[in-house]
Amino acid sequence: MPNTWLMVADTSQAKFFSIDNKGILNELEKLEHPEGRQHVSELTSDLPGRTFDSAGNGGRHTMETKVSPKEQEAIGFAKQIGSQLESHREKGEFEKLIVIAPPAFLGLLRKKMGPNITRTITTEIGKNLVGQTDQEIQKYLPDKI
C-alpha cells in the first residue's frame, strides 16, 4: 500500500498526518501561522499612503493594494505549506496526499503547490477541520485510501 499522508490546514495552522492501513491518523508535524488569526488592523501599521493627482488638480487619492494584508498572509502561508510538502515528497516520505482546507484557502493552496505535489493529491475536501479531533477528521476521509 502506498504511503499516504493527510494535510489539514487553514490560514493559521497546518497539520500533517500519516495514515496507517486501518485508516488511523498519526500526527507528524504541525505548522503554526499566528498572523492568520490577526485582524487586518493588526497586520497594517497605518492607513495606505496618499498620492496627489498627477493632473495637478490638487486632488488626493488613497493608494490601494490589489491584495489585502490578510489575504497576503494567507498566500504566504500557503506557499510555506507547499514548500514543506515538497521537501517531504522529495525525501520519499509520502506517495499520496489528501488535502482538507476551507474552500478559499484550498484555492490558494492549489496555486502555491508545485506540479509534483499536485500529482500526489488523491482527494481534496473543502472544509475547515483544523480544530477537530483526529477521530472527527477520520470521518471525512474516503473509505478507500
N, C-alpha and C. Protein backbone atom coordinates (compact mmCIF):
# COMPACT_ATOMS: atom_id res chain seq x y z
N MET A 1 0.84 -1.18 0.00
CA MET A 1 0.00 0.00 0.00
C MET A 1 0.89 1.25 0.00
N PRO A 2 0.61 2.20 -0.90
CA PRO A 2 1.42 3.42 -0.95
C PRO A 2 1.31 4.21 0.36
N ASN A 3 2.37 4.91 0.69
CA ASN A 3 2.40 5.74 1.88
C ASN A 3 1.53 6.97 1.64
N THR A 4 0.45 7.10 2.42
CA THR A 4 -0.50 8.20 2.24
C THR A 4 -0.41 9.15 3.42
N TRP A 5 -0.39 10.44 3.10
CA TRP A 5 -0.42 11.49 4.11
C TRP A 5 -1.71 12.28 3.98
N LEU A 6 -2.07 12.91 5.07
CA LEU A 6 -3.20 13.83 5.13
C LEU A 6 -2.68 15.17 5.60
N MET A 7 -3.11 16.23 4.94
CA MET A 7 -2.76 17.58 5.38
C MET A 7 -4.07 18.32 5.61
N VAL A 8 -4.25 18.81 6.86
CA VAL A 8 -5.42 19.58 7.23
C VAL A 8 -4.92 20.98 7.56
N ALA A 9 -5.51 22.00 6.92
CA ALA A 9 -4.97 23.36 7.10
C ALA A 9 -6.06 24.41 7.05
N ASP A 10 -5.73 25.55 7.63
CA ASP A 10 -6.48 26.79 7.43
C ASP A 10 -5.44 27.90 7.38
N THR A 11 -5.85 29.14 7.47
CA THR A 11 -4.89 30.24 7.31
C THR A 11 -3.96 30.43 8.50
N SER A 12 -4.21 29.71 9.61
CA SER A 12 -3.37 29.89 10.79
C SER A 12 -2.58 28.66 11.21
N GLN A 13 -2.92 27.49 10.68
CA GLN A 13 -2.13 26.31 11.01
C GLN A 13 -2.34 25.20 9.99
N ALA A 14 -1.37 24.29 9.98
CA ALA A 14 -1.44 23.12 9.10
C ALA A 14 -0.94 21.93 9.91
N LYS A 15 -1.62 20.80 9.75
CA LYS A 15 -1.23 19.57 10.41
C LYS A 15 -0.99 18.50 9.35
N PHE A 16 0.11 17.79 9.49
CA PHE A 16 0.44 16.70 8.58
C PHE A 16 0.29 15.38 9.34
N PHE A 17 -0.42 14.44 8.75
CA PHE A 17 -0.64 13.13 9.35
C PHE A 17 -0.20 12.04 8.39
N SER A 18 0.27 10.93 8.93
CA SER A 18 0.37 9.71 8.13
C SER A 18 -0.90 8.92 8.42
N ILE A 19 -1.27 8.08 7.48
CA ILE A 19 -2.47 7.27 7.64
C ILE A 19 -2.05 5.81 7.55
N ASP A 20 -2.34 5.02 8.60
CA ASP A 20 -1.94 3.62 8.55
C ASP A 20 -2.95 2.81 7.75
N ASN A 21 -2.69 1.52 7.60
CA ASN A 21 -3.54 0.68 6.74
C ASN A 21 -4.95 0.47 7.33
N LYS A 22 -5.18 0.88 8.57
CA LYS A 22 -6.52 0.80 9.16
C LYS A 22 -7.22 2.16 9.13
N GLY A 23 -6.58 3.15 8.53
CA GLY A 23 -7.16 4.49 8.43
C GLY A 23 -6.95 5.34 9.67
N ILE A 24 -6.05 4.90 10.57
CA ILE A 24 -5.78 5.65 11.79
C ILE A 24 -4.76 6.76 11.48
N LEU A 25 -5.03 7.96 12.02
CA LEU A 25 -4.16 9.11 11.79
C LEU A 25 -3.05 9.17 12.84
N ASN A 26 -1.86 9.51 12.38
CA ASN A 26 -0.72 9.72 13.26
C ASN A 26 -0.15 11.10 12.92
N GLU A 27 -0.30 12.07 13.84
CA GLU A 27 0.18 13.42 13.56
C GLU A 27 1.69 13.44 13.51
N LEU A 28 2.24 13.97 12.42
CA LEU A 28 3.68 14.01 12.20
C LEU A 28 4.27 15.38 12.46
N GLU A 29 3.53 16.41 12.06
CA GLU A 29 4.09 17.75 12.10
C GLU A 29 2.96 18.77 12.13
N LYS A 30 3.25 19.91 12.74
CA LYS A 30 2.26 20.99 12.80
C LYS A 30 2.98 22.30 12.50
N LEU A 31 2.43 23.07 11.57
CA LEU A 31 2.95 24.40 11.26
C LEU A 31 1.98 25.43 11.84
N GLU A 32 2.52 26.39 12.55
CA GLU A 32 1.70 27.46 13.13
C GLU A 32 1.94 28.75 12.35
N HIS A 33 0.88 29.48 12.13
CA HIS A 33 0.96 30.79 11.46
C HIS A 33 0.01 31.74 12.18
N PRO A 34 0.42 32.25 13.34
CA PRO A 34 -0.49 33.08 14.14
C PRO A 34 -0.98 34.34 13.42
N GLU A 35 -0.22 34.83 12.46
CA GLU A 35 -0.65 36.02 11.71
C GLU A 35 -1.97 35.76 10.98
N GLY A 36 -2.28 34.50 10.69
CA GLY A 36 -3.53 34.16 10.03
C GLY A 36 -4.75 34.41 10.88
N ARG A 37 -4.56 34.55 12.20
CA ARG A 37 -5.66 34.82 13.11
C ARG A 37 -5.82 36.31 13.39
N GLN A 38 -4.86 37.11 12.99
CA GLN A 38 -4.90 38.53 13.31
C GLN A 38 -5.92 39.28 12.48
N HIS A 39 -6.40 40.37 13.06
CA HIS A 39 -7.31 41.25 12.33
C HIS A 39 -6.49 42.13 11.39
N VAL A 40 -7.14 42.64 10.36
CA VAL A 40 -6.45 43.47 9.38
C VAL A 40 -5.76 44.65 10.07
N SER A 41 -6.41 45.24 11.08
CA SER A 41 -5.81 46.39 11.76
C SER A 41 -4.50 46.03 12.45
N GLU A 42 -4.35 44.77 12.84
CA GLU A 42 -3.11 44.32 13.49
C GLU A 42 -2.01 44.03 12.46
N LEU A 43 -2.40 43.79 11.23
CA LEU A 43 -1.43 43.48 10.18
C LEU A 43 -0.88 44.72 9.49
N THR A 44 -1.58 45.82 9.62
CA THR A 44 -1.14 47.06 8.98
C THR A 44 -0.80 48.07 10.06
N SER A 45 0.28 48.75 9.88
CA SER A 45 0.71 49.70 10.90
C SER A 45 -0.02 51.04 10.78
N ASP A 46 -0.44 51.39 9.56
CA ASP A 46 -1.16 52.64 9.36
C ASP A 46 -1.98 52.53 8.08
N LEU A 47 -2.73 53.57 7.81
CA LEU A 47 -3.54 53.60 6.60
C LEU A 47 -2.66 53.66 5.36
N PRO A 48 -3.20 53.28 4.19
CA PRO A 48 -2.41 53.38 2.97
C PRO A 48 -1.94 54.81 2.73
N GLY A 49 -0.82 54.94 2.06
CA GLY A 49 -0.28 56.27 1.76
C GLY A 49 -1.20 57.06 0.85
N ARG A 50 -0.91 58.33 0.72
CA ARG A 50 -1.71 59.17 -0.16
C ARG A 50 -0.82 59.69 -1.27
N THR A 51 -1.43 59.94 -2.39
CA THR A 51 -0.72 60.49 -3.53
C THR A 51 -1.52 61.67 -4.08
N PHE A 52 -0.84 62.57 -4.73
CA PHE A 52 -1.53 63.72 -5.32
C PHE A 52 -1.88 63.41 -6.76
N ASP A 53 -2.94 64.03 -7.24
CA ASP A 53 -3.41 63.86 -8.60
C ASP A 53 -2.33 64.32 -9.57
N SER A 54 -1.99 63.49 -10.53
CA SER A 54 -0.92 63.82 -11.47
C SER A 54 -1.31 64.94 -12.43
N ALA A 55 -2.58 65.22 -12.54
CA ALA A 55 -3.04 66.28 -13.43
C ALA A 55 -2.83 67.66 -12.81
N GLY A 56 -2.42 67.68 -11.57
CA GLY A 56 -2.16 68.97 -10.92
C GLY A 56 -3.39 69.62 -10.35
N ASN A 57 -4.50 68.91 -10.27
CA ASN A 57 -5.72 69.48 -9.73
C ASN A 57 -5.70 69.56 -8.21
N GLY A 58 -4.68 69.02 -7.61
CA GLY A 58 -4.58 69.06 -6.16
C GLY A 58 -5.38 67.99 -5.46
N GLY A 59 -6.04 67.11 -6.22
CA GLY A 59 -6.82 66.02 -5.60
C GLY A 59 -5.90 64.98 -4.97
N ARG A 60 -6.39 64.38 -3.94
CA ARG A 60 -5.60 63.35 -3.26
C ARG A 60 -6.35 62.02 -3.36
N HIS A 61 -5.60 60.95 -3.52
CA HIS A 61 -6.19 59.62 -3.64
C HIS A 61 -5.46 58.68 -2.70
N THR A 62 -6.19 57.76 -2.14
CA THR A 62 -5.57 56.73 -1.32
C THR A 62 -4.96 55.69 -2.25
N MET A 63 -3.72 55.31 -1.97
CA MET A 63 -3.08 54.27 -2.77
C MET A 63 -3.62 52.92 -2.30
N GLU A 64 -4.14 52.13 -3.20
CA GLU A 64 -4.72 50.85 -2.84
C GLU A 64 -3.83 49.71 -3.29
N THR A 65 -3.82 48.66 -2.49
CA THR A 65 -3.12 47.44 -2.90
C THR A 65 -4.15 46.50 -3.50
N LYS A 66 -3.71 45.62 -4.37
CA LYS A 66 -4.62 44.69 -5.01
C LYS A 66 -4.99 43.52 -4.10
N VAL A 67 -4.14 43.24 -3.11
CA VAL A 67 -4.37 42.14 -2.19
C VAL A 67 -4.39 42.70 -0.78
N SER A 68 -5.40 42.31 -0.01
CA SER A 68 -5.49 42.79 1.37
C SER A 68 -4.35 42.17 2.20
N PRO A 69 -3.98 42.82 3.29
CA PRO A 69 -2.93 42.25 4.14
C PRO A 69 -3.28 40.86 4.66
N LYS A 70 -4.53 40.63 4.97
CA LYS A 70 -4.98 39.31 5.46
C LYS A 70 -4.79 38.25 4.37
N GLU A 71 -5.17 38.60 3.14
CA GLU A 71 -5.00 37.66 2.03
C GLU A 71 -3.52 37.43 1.73
N GLN A 72 -2.71 38.48 1.85
CA GLN A 72 -1.27 38.33 1.63
C GLN A 72 -0.67 37.36 2.63
N GLU A 73 -1.10 37.42 3.88
CA GLU A 73 -0.63 36.47 4.90
C GLU A 73 -1.03 35.04 4.52
N ALA A 74 -2.27 34.87 4.06
CA ALA A 74 -2.76 33.54 3.67
C ALA A 74 -1.96 33.00 2.49
N ILE A 75 -1.65 33.86 1.52
CA ILE A 75 -0.86 33.45 0.36
C ILE A 75 0.53 33.00 0.80
N GLY A 76 1.14 33.77 1.69
CA GLY A 76 2.47 33.42 2.18
C GLY A 76 2.47 32.09 2.92
N PHE A 77 1.43 31.84 3.72
CA PHE A 77 1.35 30.58 4.46
C PHE A 77 1.10 29.41 3.51
N ALA A 78 0.26 29.62 2.51
CA ALA A 78 0.02 28.56 1.52
C ALA A 78 1.32 28.20 0.81
N LYS A 79 2.13 29.20 0.51
CA LYS A 79 3.43 28.96 -0.12
C LYS A 79 4.36 28.17 0.81
N GLN A 80 4.35 28.53 2.10
CA GLN A 80 5.16 27.80 3.08
C GLN A 80 4.73 26.34 3.18
N ILE A 81 3.42 26.09 3.19
CA ILE A 81 2.91 24.72 3.24
C ILE A 81 3.34 23.95 2.00
N GLY A 82 3.21 24.57 0.83
CA GLY A 82 3.63 23.93 -0.41
C GLY A 82 5.11 23.56 -0.39
N SER A 83 5.95 24.45 0.11
CA SER A 83 7.39 24.17 0.21
C SER A 83 7.67 23.02 1.16
N GLN A 84 6.98 23.02 2.29
CA GLN A 84 7.17 21.96 3.28
C GLN A 84 6.76 20.61 2.71
N LEU A 85 5.62 20.57 2.04
CA LEU A 85 5.17 19.32 1.42
C LEU A 85 6.15 18.84 0.35
N GLU A 86 6.66 19.78 -0.44
CA GLU A 86 7.63 19.41 -1.48
C GLU A 86 8.88 18.81 -0.85
N SER A 87 9.34 19.36 0.24
CA SER A 87 10.51 18.84 0.93
C SER A 87 10.26 17.39 1.40
N HIS A 88 9.10 17.14 1.97
CA HIS A 88 8.77 15.78 2.41
C HIS A 88 8.62 14.83 1.23
N ARG A 89 8.04 15.33 0.13
CA ARG A 89 7.86 14.48 -1.06
C ARG A 89 9.21 14.10 -1.64
N GLU A 90 10.13 15.06 -1.70
CA GLU A 90 11.46 14.78 -2.25
C GLU A 90 12.20 13.73 -1.44
N LYS A 91 11.93 13.67 -0.14
CA LYS A 91 12.55 12.66 0.72
C LYS A 91 11.84 11.31 0.63
N GLY A 92 10.77 11.24 -0.16
CA GLY A 92 10.04 9.99 -0.34
C GLY A 92 9.18 9.62 0.85
N GLU A 93 8.79 10.61 1.65
CA GLU A 93 8.03 10.32 2.86
C GLU A 93 6.56 10.02 2.59
N PHE A 94 6.05 10.42 1.44
CA PHE A 94 4.68 10.04 1.06
C PHE A 94 4.59 9.93 -0.46
N GLU A 95 3.59 9.15 -0.88
CA GLU A 95 3.32 8.97 -2.31
C GLU A 95 1.96 9.54 -2.69
N LYS A 96 1.03 9.50 -1.73
CA LYS A 96 -0.31 10.03 -1.96
C LYS A 96 -0.62 11.04 -0.87
N LEU A 97 -1.45 12.03 -1.24
CA LEU A 97 -1.78 13.11 -0.31
C LEU A 97 -3.28 13.41 -0.37
N ILE A 98 -3.87 13.54 0.80
CA ILE A 98 -5.25 14.00 0.95
C ILE A 98 -5.16 15.40 1.56
N VAL A 99 -5.90 16.35 0.99
CA VAL A 99 -5.85 17.74 1.46
C VAL A 99 -7.23 18.17 1.92
N ILE A 100 -7.29 18.69 3.16
CA ILE A 100 -8.54 19.23 3.71
C ILE A 100 -8.27 20.67 4.14
N ALA A 101 -9.05 21.59 3.61
CA ALA A 101 -8.90 23.01 3.95
C ALA A 101 -10.20 23.74 3.58
N PRO A 102 -10.46 24.89 4.22
CA PRO A 102 -11.63 25.67 3.82
C PRO A 102 -11.54 26.01 2.33
N PRO A 103 -12.67 26.09 1.63
CA PRO A 103 -12.65 26.29 0.18
C PRO A 103 -11.74 27.42 -0.32
N ALA A 104 -11.80 28.60 0.30
CA ALA A 104 -10.98 29.72 -0.19
C ALA A 104 -9.49 29.43 -0.01
N PHE A 105 -9.12 28.84 1.13
CA PHE A 105 -7.71 28.53 1.36
C PHE A 105 -7.27 27.36 0.50
N LEU A 106 -8.17 26.44 0.23
CA LEU A 106 -7.86 25.32 -0.68
C LEU A 106 -7.47 25.85 -2.05
N GLY A 107 -8.17 26.88 -2.51
CA GLY A 107 -7.83 27.51 -3.78
C GLY A 107 -6.43 28.12 -3.77
N LEU A 108 -6.06 28.78 -2.68
CA LEU A 108 -4.71 29.34 -2.56
C LEU A 108 -3.67 28.22 -2.54
N LEU A 109 -3.97 27.15 -1.82
CA LEU A 109 -3.02 26.02 -1.77
C LEU A 109 -2.78 25.44 -3.16
N ARG A 110 -3.85 25.30 -3.93
CA ARG A 110 -3.70 24.76 -5.30
C ARG A 110 -2.73 25.61 -6.11
N LYS A 111 -2.83 26.94 -5.94
CA LYS A 111 -1.97 27.84 -6.71
C LYS A 111 -0.52 27.79 -6.24
N LYS A 112 -0.29 27.47 -4.97
CA LYS A 112 1.06 27.52 -4.41
C LYS A 112 1.76 26.17 -4.33
N MET A 113 1.04 25.09 -4.61
CA MET A 113 1.67 23.77 -4.62
C MET A 113 2.22 23.51 -6.01
N GLY A 114 3.40 23.00 -6.06
CA GLY A 114 4.02 22.69 -7.34
C GLY A 114 3.37 21.48 -8.00
N PRO A 115 3.70 21.26 -9.27
CA PRO A 115 3.09 20.15 -10.01
C PRO A 115 3.42 18.78 -9.42
N ASN A 116 4.59 18.64 -8.79
CA ASN A 116 4.92 17.34 -8.19
C ASN A 116 4.01 17.01 -7.02
N ILE A 117 3.65 18.01 -6.24
CA ILE A 117 2.71 17.80 -5.14
C ILE A 117 1.32 17.57 -5.69
N THR A 118 0.91 18.37 -6.64
CA THR A 118 -0.42 18.25 -7.23
C THR A 118 -0.69 16.85 -7.75
N ARG A 119 0.33 16.23 -8.34
CA ARG A 119 0.17 14.87 -8.87
C ARG A 119 -0.06 13.84 -7.78
N THR A 120 0.36 14.12 -6.55
CA THR A 120 0.18 13.15 -5.47
C THR A 120 -1.18 13.25 -4.81
N ILE A 121 -1.90 14.35 -5.04
CA ILE A 121 -3.19 14.56 -4.38
C ILE A 121 -4.25 13.62 -4.94
N THR A 122 -4.81 12.82 -4.04
CA THR A 122 -5.86 11.88 -4.44
C THR A 122 -7.25 12.38 -4.08
N THR A 123 -7.34 13.20 -3.03
CA THR A 123 -8.62 13.71 -2.56
C THR A 123 -8.44 15.12 -2.00
N GLU A 124 -9.39 16.00 -2.32
CA GLU A 124 -9.45 17.33 -1.74
C GLU A 124 -10.82 17.49 -1.10
N ILE A 125 -10.83 18.02 0.13
CA ILE A 125 -12.09 18.23 0.84
C ILE A 125 -12.13 19.69 1.28
N GLY A 126 -13.13 20.41 0.85
CA GLY A 126 -13.27 21.83 1.17
C GLY A 126 -14.02 22.07 2.46
N LYS A 127 -13.36 21.80 3.59
CA LYS A 127 -13.94 22.00 4.91
C LYS A 127 -12.86 22.49 5.87
N ASN A 128 -13.27 23.25 6.88
CA ASN A 128 -12.32 23.69 7.90
C ASN A 128 -12.39 22.71 9.06
N LEU A 129 -11.43 21.78 9.12
CA LEU A 129 -11.40 20.75 10.14
C LEU A 129 -10.17 20.84 11.05
N VAL A 130 -9.41 21.93 10.95
CA VAL A 130 -8.18 22.05 11.73
C VAL A 130 -8.44 21.91 13.23
N GLY A 131 -9.52 22.45 13.74
CA GLY A 131 -9.80 22.40 15.16
C GLY A 131 -10.47 21.12 15.63
N GLN A 132 -10.70 20.19 14.71
CA GLN A 132 -11.37 18.94 15.07
C GLN A 132 -10.38 17.91 15.61
N THR A 133 -10.90 16.94 16.33
CA THR A 133 -10.07 15.83 16.82
C THR A 133 -9.71 14.91 15.66
N ASP A 134 -8.71 14.08 15.88
CA ASP A 134 -8.31 13.12 14.85
C ASP A 134 -9.49 12.23 14.45
N GLN A 135 -10.28 11.81 15.43
CA GLN A 135 -11.43 10.93 15.16
C GLN A 135 -12.48 11.64 14.30
N GLU A 136 -12.70 12.93 14.56
CA GLU A 136 -13.65 13.69 13.75
C GLU A 136 -13.15 13.84 12.32
N ILE A 137 -11.87 14.10 12.17
CA ILE A 137 -11.28 14.24 10.83
C ILE A 137 -11.40 12.93 10.06
N GLN A 138 -11.16 11.81 10.74
CA GLN A 138 -11.23 10.49 10.09
C GLN A 138 -12.57 10.23 9.43
N LYS A 139 -13.64 10.78 9.99
CA LYS A 139 -14.99 10.58 9.44
C LYS A 139 -15.12 11.15 8.03
N TYR A 140 -14.28 12.11 7.67
CA TYR A 140 -14.36 12.75 6.36
C TYR A 140 -13.48 12.08 5.31
N LEU A 141 -12.65 11.15 5.74
CA LEU A 141 -11.73 10.51 4.79
C LEU A 141 -12.48 9.51 3.92
N PRO A 142 -12.01 9.33 2.69
CA PRO A 142 -12.64 8.35 1.82
C PRO A 142 -12.51 6.94 2.41
N ASP A 143 -13.46 6.07 2.09
CA ASP A 143 -13.42 4.70 2.60
C ASP A 143 -12.17 3.97 2.14
N LYS A 144 -11.82 4.17 0.89
CA LYS A 144 -10.60 3.55 0.35
C LYS A 144 -9.51 4.60 0.26
N ILE A 145 -8.43 4.32 0.93
CA ILE A 145 -7.34 5.30 0.91
C ILE A 145 -6.21 4.81 0.07
